[in-house]
Amino acid sequence: MIALALLAIGTFGLFGQERDPLSAVFLLPLGLPWNLVGDRIGLAGPWLPILAPGINAAILYWLWRR
């Protein structure tokens, strides 16, 4: 979720930040495995790439709480 917040801040220039067209580059490798899995099982739509970093965050939280 922090990654999505940084994406919005960098893309739209919020909080006085300069607009950066490369602000989403770090989201690509984080969400790629889930996008590939979703593509192979036939899931389509804009929600999968949006939620992919959240899936990673949930896994990390689960590992931390374990």
PDB file of N, CA and C in Angstrom:
ATOM      1  N   MET A   1       0.802  -1.181   0.000  1.00  0.00           N
ATOM      2  CA  MET A   1       0.000   0.000   0.000  1.00  0.00           C
ATOM      3  C   MET A   1       0.861   1.268   0.000  1.00  0.00           C
ATOM      4  N   ILE A   2       1.991   1.194   0.650  1.00  0.00           N
ATOM      5  CA  ILE A   2       2.907   2.330   0.631  1.00  0.00           C
ATOM      6  C   ILE A   2       3.410   2.553  -0.787  1.00  0.00           C
ATOM      7  N   ALA A   3       3.618   1.452  -1.519  1.00  0.00           N
ATOM      8  CA  ALA A   3       4.082   1.577  -2.893  1.00  0.00           C
ATOM      9  C   ALA A   3       3.049   2.306  -3.753  1.00  0.00           C
ATOM     10  N   LEU A   4       1.768   2.017  -3.525  1.00  0.00           N
ATOM     11  CA  LEU A   4       0.728   2.722  -4.283  1.00  0.00           C
ATOM     12  C   LEU A   4       0.667   4.195  -3.900  1.00  0.00           C
ATOM     13  N   ALA A   5       0.897   4.492  -2.644  1.00  0.00           N
ATOM     14  CA  ALA A   5       0.913   5.891  -2.212  1.00  0.00           C
ATOM     15  C   ALA A   5       2.082   6.631  -2.862  1.00  0.00           C
ATOM     16  N   LEU A   6       3.248   6.003  -2.899  1.00  0.00           N
ATOM     17  CA  LEU A   6       4.402   6.627  -3.551  1.00  0.00           C
ATOM     18  C   LEU A   6       4.175   6.794  -5.048  1.00  0.00           C
ATOM     19  N   LEU A   7       3.473   5.852  -5.644  1.00  0.00           N
ATOM     20  CA  LEU A   7       3.124   5.970  -7.065  1.00  0.00           C
ATOM     21  C   LEU A   7       2.260   7.207  -7.296  1.00  0.00           C
ATOM     22  N   ALA A   8       1.233   7.391  -6.473  1.00  0.00           N
ATOM     23  CA  ALA A   8       0.347   8.542  -6.637  1.00  0.00           C
ATOM     24  C   ALA A   8       1.084   9.852  -6.388  1.00  0.00           C
ATOM     25  N   ILE A   9       1.921   9.879  -5.371  1.00  0.00           N
ATOM     26  CA  ILE A   9       2.665  11.103  -5.061  1.00  0.00           C
ATOM     27  C   ILE A   9       3.600  11.466  -6.200  1.00  0.00           C
ATOM     28  N   GLY A  10       4.321  10.485  -6.725  1.00  0.00           N
ATOM     29  CA  GLY A  10       5.272  10.758  -7.799  1.00  0.00           C
ATOM     30  C   GLY A  10       4.614  11.065  -9.130  1.00  0.00           C
ATOM     31  N   THR A  11       3.514  10.397  -9.419  1.00  0.00           N
ATOM     32  CA  THR A  11       2.850  10.592 -10.710  1.00  0.00           C
ATOM     33  C   THR A  11       2.127  11.923 -10.787  1.00  0.00           C
ATOM     34  N   PHE A  12       1.434  12.290  -9.729  1.00  0.00           N
ATOM     35  CA  PHE A  12       0.626  13.495  -9.754  1.00  0.00           C
ATOM     36  C   PHE A  12       1.291  14.703  -9.115  1.00  0.00           C
ATOM     37  N   GLY A  13       2.480  14.525  -8.568  1.00  0.00           N
ATOM     38  CA  GLY A  13       3.200  15.637  -7.970  1.00  0.00           C
ATOM     39  C   GLY A  13       2.555  16.171  -6.701  1.00  0.00           C
ATOM     40  N   LEU A  14       2.051  15.282  -5.876  1.00  0.00           N
ATOM     41  CA  LEU A  14       1.400  15.694  -4.634  1.00  0.00           C
ATOM     42  C   LEU A  14       2.425  16.113  -3.593  1.00  0.00           C
ATOM     43  N   PHE A  15       2.005  16.911  -2.634  1.00  0.00           N
ATOM     44  CA  PHE A  15       2.830  17.363  -1.510  1.00  0.00           C
ATOM     45  C   PHE A  15       4.087  18.106  -1.954  1.00  0.00           C
ATOM     46  N   GLY A  16       4.017  18.805  -3.069  1.00  0.00           N
ATOM     47  CA  GLY A  16       5.138  19.593  -3.545  1.00  0.00           C
ATOM     48  C   GLY A  16       6.227  18.787  -4.246  1.00  0.00           C
ATOM     49  N   GLN A  17       5.995  17.502  -4.430  1.00  0.00           N
ATOM     50  CA  GLN A  17       6.967  16.637  -5.104  1.00  0.00           C
ATOM     51  C   GLN A  17       6.931  16.905  -6.604  1.00  0.00           C
ATOM     52  N   GLU A  18       8.072  16.823  -7.260  1.00  0.00           N
ATOM     53  CA  GLU A  18       8.093  16.979  -8.712  1.00  0.00           C
ATOM     54  C   GLU A  18       7.440  15.761  -9.359  1.00  0.00           C
ATOM     55  N   ARG A  19       6.791  15.985 -10.512  1.00  0.00           N
ATOM     56  CA  ARG A  19       6.174  14.883 -11.237  1.00  0.00           C
ATOM     57  C   ARG A  19       7.261  13.994 -11.813  1.00  0.00           C
ATOM     58  N   ASP A  20       7.124  12.694 -11.616  1.00  0.00           N
ATOM     59  CA  ASP A  20       8.128  11.739 -12.049  1.00  0.00           C
ATOM     60  C   ASP A  20       7.449  10.628 -12.854  1.00  0.00           C
ATOM     61  N   PRO A  21       7.719  10.550 -14.153  1.00  0.00           N
ATOM     62  CA  PRO A  21       7.075   9.501 -14.948  1.00  0.00           C
ATOM     63  C   PRO A  21       7.571   8.092 -14.608  1.00  0.00           C
ATOM     64  N   LEU A  22       8.688   7.979 -13.900  1.00  0.00           N
ATOM     65  CA  LEU A  22       9.218   6.667 -13.543  1.00  0.00           C
ATOM     66  C   LEU A  22       8.877   6.260 -12.108  1.00  0.00           C
ATOM     67  N   SER A  23       7.884   6.874 -11.527  1.00  0.00           N
ATOM     68  CA  SER A  23       7.563   6.588 -10.129  1.00  0.00           C
ATOM     69  C   SER A  23       6.975   5.192  -9.934  1.00  0.00           C
ATOM     70  N   ALA A  24       6.478   4.561 -10.979  1.00  0.00           N
ATOM     71  CA  ALA A  24       5.883   3.221 -10.849  1.00  0.00           C
ATOM     72  C   ALA A  24       6.859   2.099 -11.177  1.00  0.00           C
ATOM     73  N   VAL A  25       8.101   2.434 -11.467  1.00  0.00           N
ATOM     74  CA  VAL A  25       9.053   1.401 -11.872  1.00  0.00           C
ATOM     75  C   VAL A  25       9.251   0.358 -10.781  1.00  0.00           C
ATOM     76  N   PHE A  26       9.265   0.756  -9.524  1.00  0.00           N
ATOM     77  CA  PHE A  26       9.479  -0.207  -8.455  1.00  0.00           C
ATOM     78  C   PHE A  26       8.268  -1.099  -8.223  1.00  0.00           C
ATOM     79  N   LEU A  27       7.097  -0.721  -8.733  1.00  0.00           N
ATOM     80  CA  LEU A  27       5.915  -1.566  -8.592  1.00  0.00           C
ATOM     81  C   LEU A  27       5.913  -2.728  -9.577  1.00  0.00           C
ATOM     82  N   LEU A  28       6.587  -2.585 -10.686  1.00  0.00           N
ATOM     83  CA  LEU A  28       6.583  -3.642 -11.696  1.00  0.00           C
ATOM     84  C   LEU A  28       7.165  -4.960 -11.194  1.00  0.00           C
ATOM     85  N   PRO A  29       8.375  -4.969 -10.632  1.00  0.00           N
ATOM     86  CA  PRO A  29       8.884  -6.261 -10.161  1.00  0.00           C
ATOM     87  C   PRO A  29       8.130  -6.797  -8.945  1.00  0.00           C
ATOM     88  N   LEU A  30       7.526  -5.936  -8.148  1.00  0.00           N
ATOM     89  CA  LEU A  30       6.771  -6.407  -6.987  1.00  0.00           C
ATOM     90  C   LEU A  30       5.481  -7.121  -7.382  1.00  0.00           C
ATOM     91  N   GLY A  31       4.840  -6.657  -8.421  1.00  0.00           N
ATOM     92  CA  GLY A  31       3.564  -7.243  -8.817  1.00  0.00           C
ATOM     93  C   GLY A  31       3.639  -8.241  -9.943  1.00  0.00           C
ATOM     94  N   LEU A  32       4.801  -8.390 -10.564  1.00  0.00           N
ATOM     95  CA  LEU A  32       4.905  -9.259 -11.731  1.00  0.00           C
ATOM     96  C   LEU A  32       4.506 -10.706 -11.462  1.00  0.00           C
ATOM     97  N   PRO A  33       4.960 -11.341 -10.394  1.00  0.00           N
ATOM     98  CA  PRO A  33       4.548 -12.744 -10.203  1.00  0.00           C
ATOM     99  C   PRO A  33       3.034 -12.915 -10.108  1.00  0.00           C
ATOM    100  N   TRP A  34       2.366 -12.008  -9.429  1.00  0.00           N
ATOM    101  CA  TRP A  34       0.915 -12.141  -9.275  1.00  0.00           C
ATOM    102  C   TRP A  34       0.184 -11.825 -10.568  1.00  0.00           C
ATOM    103  N   ASN A  35       0.732 -10.918 -11.357  1.00  0.00           N
ATOM    104  CA  ASN A  35       0.131 -10.639 -12.657  1.00  0.00           C
ATOM    105  C   ASN A  35       0.262 -11.838 -13.587  1.00  0.00           C
ATOM    106  N   LEU A  36       1.404 -12.516 -13.544  1.00  0.00           N
ATOM    107  CA  LEU A  36       1.590 -13.708 -14.377  1.00  0.00           C
ATOM    108  C   LEU A  36       0.674 -14.841 -13.942  1.00  0.00           C
ATOM    109  N   VAL A  37       0.552 -15.051 -12.635  1.00  0.00           N
ATOM    110  CA  VAL A  37      -0.348 -16.099 -12.123  1.00  0.00           C
ATOM    111  C   VAL A  37      -1.789 -15.779 -12.508  1.00  0.00           C
ATOM    112  N   GLY A  38      -2.199 -14.543 -12.324  1.00  0.00           N
ATOM    113  CA  GLY A  38      -3.558 -14.152 -12.685  1.00  0.00           C
ATOM    114  C   GLY A  38      -3.835 -14.305 -14.165  1.00  0.00           C
ATOM    115  N   ASP A  39      -2.853 -14.021 -14.996  1.00  0.00           N
ATOM    116  CA  ASP A  39      -3.020 -14.176 -16.432  1.00  0.00           C
ATOM    117  C   ASP A  39      -3.166 -15.647 -16.811  1.00  0.00           C
ATOM    118  N   ARG A  40      -2.400 -16.499 -16.167  1.00  0.00           N
ATOM    119  CA  ARG A  40      -2.460 -17.938 -16.492  1.00  0.00           C
ATOM    120  C   ARG A  40      -3.766 -18.586 -16.049  1.00  0.00           C
ATOM    121  N   ILE A  41      -4.356 -18.112 -14.954  1.00  0.00           N
ATOM    122  CA  ILE A  41      -5.609 -18.727 -14.515  1.00  0.00           C
ATOM    123  C   ILE A  41      -6.840 -18.005 -15.077  1.00  0.00           C
ATOM    124  N   GLY A  42      -6.618 -16.999 -15.900  1.00  0.00           N
ATOM    125  CA  GLY A  42      -7.713 -16.361 -16.619  1.00  0.00           C
ATOM    126  C   GLY A  42      -8.351 -15.164 -15.940  1.00  0.00           C
ATOM    127  N   LEU A  43      -7.714 -14.632 -14.925  1.00  0.00           N
ATOM    128  CA  LEU A  43      -8.255 -13.430 -14.296  1.00  0.00           C
ATOM    129  C   LEU A  43      -7.878 -12.212 -15.135  1.00  0.00           C
ATOM    130  N   ALA A  44      -8.830 -11.363 -15.338  1.00  0.00           N
ATOM    131  CA  ALA A  44      -8.566 -10.155 -16.110  1.00  0.00           C
ATOM    132  C   ALA A  44      -9.217  -8.975 -15.413  1.00  0.00           C
ATOM    133  N   GLY A  45      -8.733  -7.826 -15.710  1.00  0.00           N
ATOM    134  CA  GLY A  45      -9.301  -6.618 -15.129  1.00  0.00           C
ATOM    135  C   GLY A  45      -8.233  -5.764 -14.492  1.00  0.00           C
ATOM    136  N   PRO A  46      -8.574  -4.536 -14.210  1.00  0.00           N
ATOM    137  CA  PRO A  46      -7.579  -3.618 -13.652  1.00  0.00           C
ATOM    138  C   PRO A  46      -7.290  -3.847 -12.176  1.00  0.00           C
ATOM    139  N   TRP A  47      -8.094  -4.622 -11.479  1.00  0.00           N
ATOM    140  CA  TRP A  47      -7.916  -4.768 -10.042  1.00  0.00           C
ATOM    141  C   TRP A  47      -6.719  -5.645  -9.682  1.00  0.00           C
ATOM    142  N   LEU A  48      -6.351  -6.603 -10.531  1.00  0.00           N
ATOM    143  CA  LEU A  48      -5.223  -7.477 -10.208  1.00  0.00           C
ATOM    144  C   LEU A  48      -3.896  -6.717 -10.151  1.00  0.00           C
ATOM    145  N   PRO A  49      -3.541  -5.895 -11.146  1.00  0.00           N
ATOM    146  CA  PRO A  49      -2.297  -5.127 -11.013  1.00  0.00           C
ATOM    147  C   PRO A  49      -2.326  -4.120  -9.861  1.00  0.00           C
ATOM    148  N   ILE A  50      -3.502  -3.638  -9.526  1.00  0.00           N
ATOM    149  CA  ILE A  50      -3.606  -2.689  -8.424  1.00  0.00           C
ATOM    150  C   ILE A  50      -3.386  -3.398  -7.089  1.00  0.00           C
ATOM    151  N   LEU A  51      -3.893  -4.618  -6.954  1.00  0.00           N
ATOM    152  CA  LEU A  51      -3.798  -5.347  -5.694  1.00  0.00           C
ATOM    153  C   LEU A  51      -2.522  -6.170  -5.557  1.00  0.00           C
ATOM    154  N   ALA A  52      -1.753  -6.330  -6.627  1.00  0.00           N
ATOM    155  CA  ALA A  52      -0.559  -7.181  -6.580  1.00  0.00           C
ATOM    156  C   ALA A  52       0.438  -6.763  -5.497  1.00  0.00           C
ATOM    157  N   PRO A  53       0.781  -5.495  -5.333  1.00  0.00           N
ATOM    158  CA  PRO A  53       1.667  -5.141  -4.211  1.00  0.00           C
ATOM    159  C   PRO A  53       1.034  -5.417  -2.847  1.00  0.00           C
ATOM    160  N   GLY A  54      -0.273  -5.328  -2.761  1.00  0.00           N
ATOM    161  CA  GLY A  54      -0.957  -5.642  -1.505  1.00  0.00           C
ATOM    162  C   GLY A  54      -0.876  -7.123  -1.163  1.00  0.00           C
ATOM    163  N   ILE A  55      -0.863  -7.966  -2.185  1.00  0.00           N
ATOM    164  CA  ILE A  55      -0.689  -9.400  -1.949  1.00  0.00           C
ATOM    165  C   ILE A  55       0.680  -9.659  -1.339  1.00  0.00           C
ATOM    166  N   ASN A  56       1.694  -9.014  -1.878  1.00  0.00           N
ATOM    167  CA  ASN A  56       3.040  -9.152  -1.306  1.00  0.00           C
ATOM    168  C   ASN A  56       3.091  -8.635   0.119  1.00  0.00           C
ATOM    169  N   ALA A  57       2.430  -7.530   0.384  1.00  0.00           N
ATOM    170  CA  ALA A  57       2.410  -6.979   1.738  1.00  0.00           C
ATOM    171  C   ALA A  57       1.703  -7.933   2.700  1.00  0.00           C
ATOM    172  N   ALA A  58       0.640  -8.566   2.244  1.00  0.00           N
ATOM    173  CA  ALA A  58      -0.072  -9.522   3.098  1.00  0.00           C
ATOM    174  C   ALA A  58       0.796 -10.733   3.410  1.00  0.00           C
ATOM    175  N   ILE A  59       1.539 -11.214   2.441  1.00  0.00           N
ATOM    176  CA  ILE A  59       2.440 -12.347   2.666  1.00  0.00           C
ATOM    177  C   ILE A  59       3.536 -11.967   3.657  1.00  0.00           C
ATOM    178  N   LEU A  60       4.112 -10.795   3.494  1.00  0.00           N
ATOM    179  CA  LEU A  60       5.143 -10.355   4.429  1.00  0.00           C
ATOM    180  C   LEU A  60       4.583 -10.183   5.837  1.00  0.00           C
ATOM    181  N   TYR A  61       3.384  -9.662   5.947  1.00  0.00           N
ATOM    182  CA  TYR A  61       2.759  -9.516   7.259  1.00  0.00           C
ATOM    183  C   TYR A  61       2.513 -10.882   7.882  1.00  0.00           C
ATOM    184  N   TRP A  62       2.027 -11.828   7.086  1.00  0.00           N
ATOM    185  CA  TRP A  62       1.791 -13.177   7.593  1.00  0.00           C
ATOM    186  C   TRP A  62       3.089 -13.814   8.072  1.00  0.00           C
ATOM    187  N   LEU A  63       4.159 -13.651   7.320  1.00  0.00           N
ATOM    188  CA  LEU A  63       5.455 -14.208   7.740  1.00  0.00           C
ATOM    189  C   LEU A  63       5.963 -13.534   9.013  1.00  0.00           C
ATOM    190  N   TRP A  64       5.732 -12.251   9.128  1.00  0.00           N
ATOM    191  CA  TRP A  64       6.182 -11.514  10.308  1.00  0.00           C
ATOM    192  C   TRP A  64       5.421 -11.974  11.553  1.00  0.00           C
ATOM    193  N   ARG A  65       4.115 -12.184  11.431  1.00  0.00           N
ATOM    194  CA  ARG A  65       3.288 -12.573  12.574  1.00  0.00           C
ATOM    195  C   ARG A  65       3.486 -14.034  12.948  1.00  0.00           C
ATOM    196  N   ARG A  66       4.040 -14.821  12.090  1.00  0.00           N
ATOM    197  CA  ARG A  66       4.234 -16.249  12.310  1.00  0.00           C
ATOM    198  C   ARG A  66       5.255 -16.527  13.292  1.00  0.00           C
TER     199      ARG A  66
END
